[in-house]
Amino acid sequence: MSGDPETVPLAGDYRGAAGVMAFLARLDATARVLMPTLQDLLIDGDCAVVRWTMPVRSGSVQAELQCVDILRLRQHRIMALEQVFDTSAAAKLFGTQTLPRTLQPDPVCQNGAAASAVARDRPGDPGS
């Protein structure tokens, strides 16, 4: 997950199965995801886009994050996942009310989003 770790404590680079497991462990230690709700699912060939909401609690603070996942599939396996979410709500959830000026758009996403989570399954990656 890219972004400023001071704004989003889960920020980091997660690759392959081991990276996904590390991200989930870190998420579990930082926040509690309540009941995600699917809003839309679009599938076109080997690409899928999922729009969903994720109520999250961190300590006594609760926020509902709006999320969009962009998945690339090959032979029924996820090859790439880009997750774009409401960074303003995440900043409030994790105790930083405003985003730092140094936070730049994620070059992987290239759509102006302030942060995205990227998990890629590439040959040679640990856990792939």
C-alpha atoms as a PDB file:
ATOM      1  CA  MET A   1       0.000   0.000   0.000  1.00  0.00           C
ATOM      2  CA  SER A   2       1.591   3.218  -1.050  1.00  0.00           C
ATOM      3  CA  GLY A   3       1.220   6.494   0.715  1.00  0.00           C
ATOM      4  CA  ASP A   4       2.664   8.222   3.733  1.00  0.00           C
ATOM      5  CA  PRO A   5       2.949   5.861   6.754  1.00  0.00           C
ATOM      6  CA  GLU A   6       2.239   8.859   9.009  1.00  0.00           C
ATOM      7  CA  THR A   7      -1.187   9.209   7.365  1.00  0.00           C
ATOM      8  CA  VAL A   8      -1.969   5.543   6.727  1.00  0.00           C
ATOM      9  CA  PRO A   9      -0.061   3.189   9.075  1.00  0.00           C
ATOM     10  CA  LEU A  10      -0.634   0.281   6.683  1.00  0.00           C
ATOM     11  CA  ALA A  11       1.448   1.911   3.939  1.00  0.00           C
ATOM     12  CA  GLY A  12       4.176  -0.374   2.614  1.00  0.00           C
ATOM     13  CA  ASP A  13       5.108  -2.652  -0.263  1.00  0.00           C
ATOM     14  CA  TYR A  14       3.350  -6.040  -0.186  1.00  0.00           C
ATOM     15  CA  ARG A  15       4.221  -8.598  -2.871  1.00  0.00           C
ATOM     16  CA  GLY A  16       3.211 -12.198  -3.416  1.00  0.00           C
ATOM     17  CA  ALA A  17       1.381 -14.446  -0.962  1.00  0.00           C
ATOM     18  CA  ALA A  18       3.766 -13.620   1.905  1.00  0.00           C
ATOM     19  CA  GLY A  19       3.186  -9.905   1.336  1.00  0.00           C
ATOM     20  CA  VAL A  20      -0.585 -10.315   1.391  1.00  0.00           C
ATOM     21  CA  MET A  21      -0.338 -12.269   4.662  1.00  0.00           C
ATOM     22  CA  ALA A  22       1.920  -9.560   6.157  1.00  0.00           C
ATOM     23  CA  PHE A  23      -0.553  -6.850   5.109  1.00  0.00           C
ATOM     24  CA  LEU A  24      -3.506  -8.734   6.632  1.00  0.00           C
ATOM     25  CA  ALA A  25      -1.604  -9.260   9.909  1.00  0.00           C
ATOM     26  CA  ARG A  26      -0.727  -5.558  10.027  1.00  0.00           C
ATOM     27  CA  LEU A  27      -4.329  -4.594   9.253  1.00  0.00           C
ATOM     28  CA  ASP A  28      -5.583  -6.860  12.044  1.00  0.00           C
ATOM     29  CA  ALA A  29      -3.160  -5.232  14.518  1.00  0.00           C
ATOM     30  CA  THR A  30      -4.110  -1.686  13.450  1.00  0.00           C
ATOM     31  CA  ALA A  31      -7.843  -1.714  12.753  1.00  0.00           C
ATOM     32  CA  ARG A  32     -10.910  -3.900  12.722  1.00  0.00           C
ATOM     33  CA  VAL A  33     -12.828  -4.263   9.459  1.00  0.00           C
ATOM     34  CA  LEU A  34     -16.513  -4.616  10.307  1.00  0.00           C
ATOM     35  CA  MET A  35     -18.779  -5.764   7.423  1.00  0.00           C
ATOM     36  CA  PRO A  36     -17.608  -4.850   3.892  1.00  0.00           C
ATOM     37  CA  THR A  37     -20.439  -4.249   1.423  1.00  0.00           C
ATOM     38  CA  LEU A  38     -20.180  -4.885  -2.314  1.00  0.00           C
ATOM     39  CA  GLN A  39     -21.490  -1.932  -4.333  1.00  0.00           C
ATOM     40  CA  ASP A  40     -20.577  -2.866  -7.924  1.00  0.00           C
ATOM     41  CA  LEU A  41     -18.680  -5.598  -9.769  1.00  0.00           C
ATOM     42  CA  LEU A  42     -17.579  -5.161 -13.382  1.00  0.00           C
ATOM     43  CA  ILE A  43     -15.760  -7.908 -15.286  1.00  0.00           C
ATOM     44  CA  ASP A  44     -14.261  -7.577 -18.755  1.00  0.00           C
ATOM     45  CA  GLY A  45     -12.038 -10.418 -19.941  1.00  0.00           C
ATOM     46  CA  ASP A  46      -9.079 -10.699 -17.573  1.00  0.00           C
ATOM     47  CA  CYS A  47      -9.882  -7.462 -15.700  1.00  0.00           C
ATOM     48  CA  ALA A  48     -12.324  -6.829 -12.871  1.00  0.00           C
ATOM     49  CA  VAL A  49     -13.288  -3.689 -10.991  1.00  0.00           C
ATOM     50  CA  VAL A  50     -14.925  -3.957  -7.580  1.00  0.00           C
ATOM     51  CA  ARG A  51     -16.458  -0.959  -5.801  1.00  0.00           C
ATOM     52  CA  TRP A  52     -17.174  -1.545  -2.142  1.00  0.00           C
ATOM     53  CA  THR A  53     -17.493   0.133   1.241  1.00  0.00           C
ATOM     54  CA  MET A  54     -15.524  -0.945   4.274  1.00  0.00           C
ATOM     55  CA  PRO A  55     -16.600   0.135   7.768  1.00  0.00           C
ATOM     56  CA  VAL A  56     -13.419   0.148   9.879  1.00  0.00           C
ATOM     57  CA  ARG A  57     -12.785   0.777  13.568  1.00  0.00           C
ATOM     58  CA  SER A  58      -9.433   1.862  15.000  1.00  0.00           C
ATOM     59  CA  GLY A  59      -9.611   2.287  18.769  1.00  0.00           C
ATOM     60  CA  SER A  60     -12.776   4.271  19.462  1.00  0.00           C
ATOM     61  CA  VAL A  61     -12.886   5.868  15.991  1.00  0.00           C
ATOM     62  CA  GLN A  62     -15.019   4.375  13.229  1.00  0.00           C
ATOM     63  CA  ALA A  63     -15.041   5.378   9.561  1.00  0.00           C
ATOM     64  CA  GLU A  64     -16.591   4.013   6.391  1.00  0.00           C
ATOM     65  CA  LEU A  65     -13.992   3.849   3.639  1.00  0.00           C
ATOM     66  CA  GLN A  66     -15.052   3.883  -0.001  1.00  0.00           C
ATOM     67  CA  CYS A  67     -12.816   1.476  -1.931  1.00  0.00           C
ATOM     68  CA  VAL A  68     -12.223   0.465  -5.537  1.00  0.00           C
ATOM     69  CA  ASP A  69     -10.204  -2.637  -6.404  1.00  0.00           C
ATOM     70  CA  ILE A  70      -8.814  -3.104  -9.907  1.00  0.00           C
ATOM     71  CA  LEU A  71      -7.772  -6.699 -10.516  1.00  0.00           C
ATOM     72  CA  ARG A  72      -5.869  -8.319 -13.359  1.00  0.00           C
ATOM     73  CA  LEU A  73      -6.393 -12.080 -13.615  1.00  0.00           C
ATOM     74  CA  ARG A  74      -4.603 -14.872 -15.429  1.00  0.00           C
ATOM     75  CA  GLN A  75      -5.757 -18.493 -15.352  1.00  0.00           C
ATOM     76  CA  HIS A  76      -8.120 -17.780 -12.437  1.00  0.00           C
ATOM     77  CA  ARG A  77      -5.322 -16.219 -10.327  1.00  0.00           C
ATOM     78  CA  ILE A  78      -4.985 -12.607  -9.260  1.00  0.00           C
ATOM     79  CA  MET A  79      -1.863 -11.272 -10.961  1.00  0.00           C
ATOM     80  CA  ALA A  80      -2.218  -7.654  -9.842  1.00  0.00           C
ATOM     81  CA  LEU A  81      -4.446  -5.769  -7.432  1.00  0.00           C
ATOM     82  CA  GLU A  82      -4.639  -1.994  -7.196  1.00  0.00           C
ATOM     83  CA  GLN A  83      -6.760  -0.691  -4.334  1.00  0.00           C
ATOM     84  CA  VAL A  84      -7.816   2.933  -4.246  1.00  0.00           C
ATOM     85  CA  PHE A  85      -9.601   4.218  -1.165  1.00  0.00           C
ATOM     86  CA  ASP A  86     -10.798   7.361   0.559  1.00  0.00           C
ATOM     87  CA  THR A  87      -7.551   8.613   2.102  1.00  0.00           C
ATOM     88  CA  SER A  88      -9.292  11.492   3.884  1.00  0.00           C
ATOM     89  CA  ALA A  89     -11.466   9.037   5.840  1.00  0.00           C
ATOM     90  CA  ALA A  90      -8.394   6.862   6.491  1.00  0.00           C
ATOM     91  CA  ALA A  91      -6.474   9.878   7.836  1.00  0.00           C
ATOM     92  CA  LYS A  92      -9.306  10.609  10.279  1.00  0.00           C
ATOM     93  CA  LEU A  93      -9.493   6.942  11.260  1.00  0.00           C
ATOM     94  CA  PHE A  94      -5.786   6.742  12.056  1.00  0.00           C
ATOM     95  CA  GLY A  95      -5.644  10.099  13.837  1.00  0.00           C
ATOM     96  CA  THR A  96      -4.204  12.422  11.193  1.00  0.00           C
ATOM     97  CA  GLN A  97      -6.916  14.908  10.249  1.00  0.00           C
ATOM     98  CA  THR A  98      -5.271  16.180   7.086  1.00  0.00           C
ATOM     99  CA  LEU A  99      -3.117  14.606   4.442  1.00  0.00           C
ATOM    100  CA  PRO A 100       0.503  15.729   4.354  1.00  0.00           C
ATOM    101  CA  ARG A 101       1.465  17.979   1.448  1.00  0.00           C
ATOM    102  CA  THR A 102       4.199  15.523   0.480  1.00  0.00           C
ATOM    103  CA  LEU A 103       1.711  12.746  -0.371  1.00  0.00           C
ATOM    104  CA  GLN A 104       1.881  12.248  -4.125  1.00  0.00           C
ATOM    105  CA  PRO A 105      -0.321  10.230  -6.504  1.00  0.00           C
ATOM    106  CA  ASP A 106       0.691   6.590  -6.795  1.00  0.00           C
ATOM    107  CA  PRO A 107       2.623   6.138 -10.079  1.00  0.00           C
ATOM    108  CA  VAL A 108       1.230   2.600 -10.428  1.00  0.00           C
ATOM    109  CA  CYS A 109      -2.352   3.826 -10.335  1.00  0.00           C
ATOM    110  CA  GLN A 110      -1.686   6.910 -12.526  1.00  0.00           C
ATOM    111  CA  ASN A 111      -5.204   8.236 -12.065  1.00  0.00           C
ATOM    112  CA  GLY A 112      -4.593  10.936  -9.484  1.00  0.00           C
ATOM    113  CA  ALA A 113      -5.550   8.826  -6.476  1.00  0.00           C
ATOM    114  CA  ALA A 114      -3.711   9.772  -3.306  1.00  0.00           C
ATOM    115  CA  ALA A 115      -2.975   6.186  -2.306  1.00  0.00           C
ATOM    116  CA  SER A 116      -3.428   2.680  -3.587  1.00  0.00           C
ATOM    117  CA  ALA A 117      -2.569  -0.780  -2.387  1.00  0.00           C
ATOM    118  CA  VAL A 118      -0.660  -2.844  -4.897  1.00  0.00           C
ATOM    119  CA  ALA A 119      -0.031  -6.558  -4.606  1.00  0.00           C
ATOM    120  CA  ARG A 120       1.669  -8.134  -7.593  1.00  0.00           C
ATOM    121  CA  ASP A 121       2.378 -11.784  -8.221  1.00  0.00           C
ATOM    122  CA  ARG A 122       5.546 -11.794 -10.339  1.00  0.00           C
ATOM    123  CA  PRO A 123       7.944 -14.605 -11.125  1.00  0.00           C
ATOM    124  CA  GLY A 124      10.706 -14.579  -8.543  1.00  0.00           C
ATOM    125  CA  ASP A 125       8.665 -12.743  -5.884  1.00  0.00           C
ATOM    126  CA  PRO A 126       8.763 -14.447  -2.497  1.00  0.00           C
ATOM    127  CA  GLY A 127       5.475 -16.230  -1.999  1.00  0.00           C
ATOM    128  CA  SER A 128       4.530 -16.327  -5.703  1.00  0.00           C
END
